[in-house]
């Protein structure tokens, strides 16, 4: 995936986080509760999404070009 696509997806994930978290956390604070567990869960989901977007692909091609294998008859 190109770097520009990753940047756009990251911005989209952050925008979606604020779109979802703002009314939930605002409603909880207005009713007198702390954000507590729901805020932590939403933040962990955002971090997981960003890590999944920026995850590097495995380089299996390097291991497949290894000529140290022995042919069996």
Protein backbone atom coordinates (compact mmCIF):
# COMPACT_ATOMS: atom_id res chain seq x y z
CA UNK A 1 0.00 0.00 0.00
CA UNK A 2 1.32 3.43 -0.84
CA UNK A 3 2.30 5.83 1.89
CA UNK A 4 -0.25 8.43 0.73
CA UNK A 5 -3.07 5.89 1.10
CA UNK A 6 -1.86 5.01 4.59
CA UNK A 7 -1.84 8.68 5.58
CA UNK A 8 -5.39 9.14 4.27
CA UNK A 9 -6.59 6.02 6.11
CA UNK A 10 -4.94 7.22 9.31
CA UNK A 11 -6.65 10.61 9.04
CA UNK A 12 -9.94 8.82 8.36
CA UNK A 13 -9.51 6.59 11.41
CA UNK A 14 -8.80 9.58 13.65
CA UNK A 15 -11.83 11.42 12.21
CA UNK A 16 -14.03 8.36 12.80
CA UNK A 17 -12.73 8.10 16.38
CA UNK A 18 -13.73 11.69 17.12
CA UNK A 19 -17.06 11.20 15.36
CA UNK A 20 -17.89 8.20 17.56
CA UNK A 21 -16.21 9.17 20.84
CA UNK A 22 -17.40 12.77 21.15
CA UNK A 23 -21.13 12.12 21.62
CA UNK A 24 -20.55 9.07 23.83
CA UNK A 25 -18.03 10.72 26.14
CA UNK A 26 -19.91 14.03 26.13
CA UNK A 27 -23.15 12.32 27.08
CA UNK A 28 -21.49 10.40 29.88
CA UNK A 29 -19.86 13.52 31.34
CA UNK A 30 -23.12 15.44 31.12
CA UNK A 31 -24.92 12.75 33.10
CA UNK A 32 -22.26 12.88 35.80
CA UNK A 33 -20.28 9.74 34.99
CA UNK A 34 -16.58 9.48 34.19
CA UNK A 35 -15.49 8.32 30.75
CA UNK A 36 -13.56 5.44 32.28
CA UNK A 37 -13.66 2.13 30.48
CA UNK A 38 -15.46 3.24 27.31
CA UNK A 39 -12.87 5.95 26.64
CA UNK A 40 -10.04 3.48 27.12
CA UNK A 41 -11.68 0.93 24.81
CA UNK A 42 -12.22 3.51 22.07
CA UNK A 43 -8.64 4.75 22.36
CA UNK A 44 -7.28 1.19 22.24
CA UNK A 45 -9.38 0.55 19.12
CA UNK A 46 -7.91 3.67 17.47
CA UNK A 47 -4.36 2.61 18.31
CA UNK A 48 -5.02 -0.90 16.99
CA UNK A 49 -6.45 0.47 13.76
CA UNK A 50 -3.47 2.75 13.18
CA UNK A 51 -1.02 -0.08 13.91
CA UNK A 52 -2.87 -2.33 11.47
CA UNK A 53 -2.73 0.35 8.78
CA UNK A 54 1.01 0.92 9.17
CA UNK A 55 1.97 -2.75 9.63
CA UNK A 56 4.81 -3.76 7.33
CA UNK A 57 4.25 -6.77 5.07
CA UNK A 58 6.22 -9.95 5.67
CA UNK A 59 9.14 -10.51 3.34
CA UNK A 60 8.62 -14.20 2.60
CA UNK A 61 10.32 -13.86 -0.80
CA UNK A 62 13.73 -13.57 0.83
CA UNK A 63 13.28 -16.89 2.59
CA UNK A 64 11.99 -18.67 -0.53
CA UNK A 65 15.11 -17.79 -2.56
CA UNK A 66 17.34 -19.64 -0.13
CA UNK A 67 19.22 -22.41 -1.98
CA UNK A 68 20.11 -24.42 1.12
CA UNK A 69 17.25 -26.88 0.72
CA UNK A 70 18.05 -30.50 -0.02
CA UNK A 71 16.14 -32.37 -2.71
CA UNK A 72 14.76 -35.69 -1.61
CA UNK A 73 14.35 -38.66 -3.96
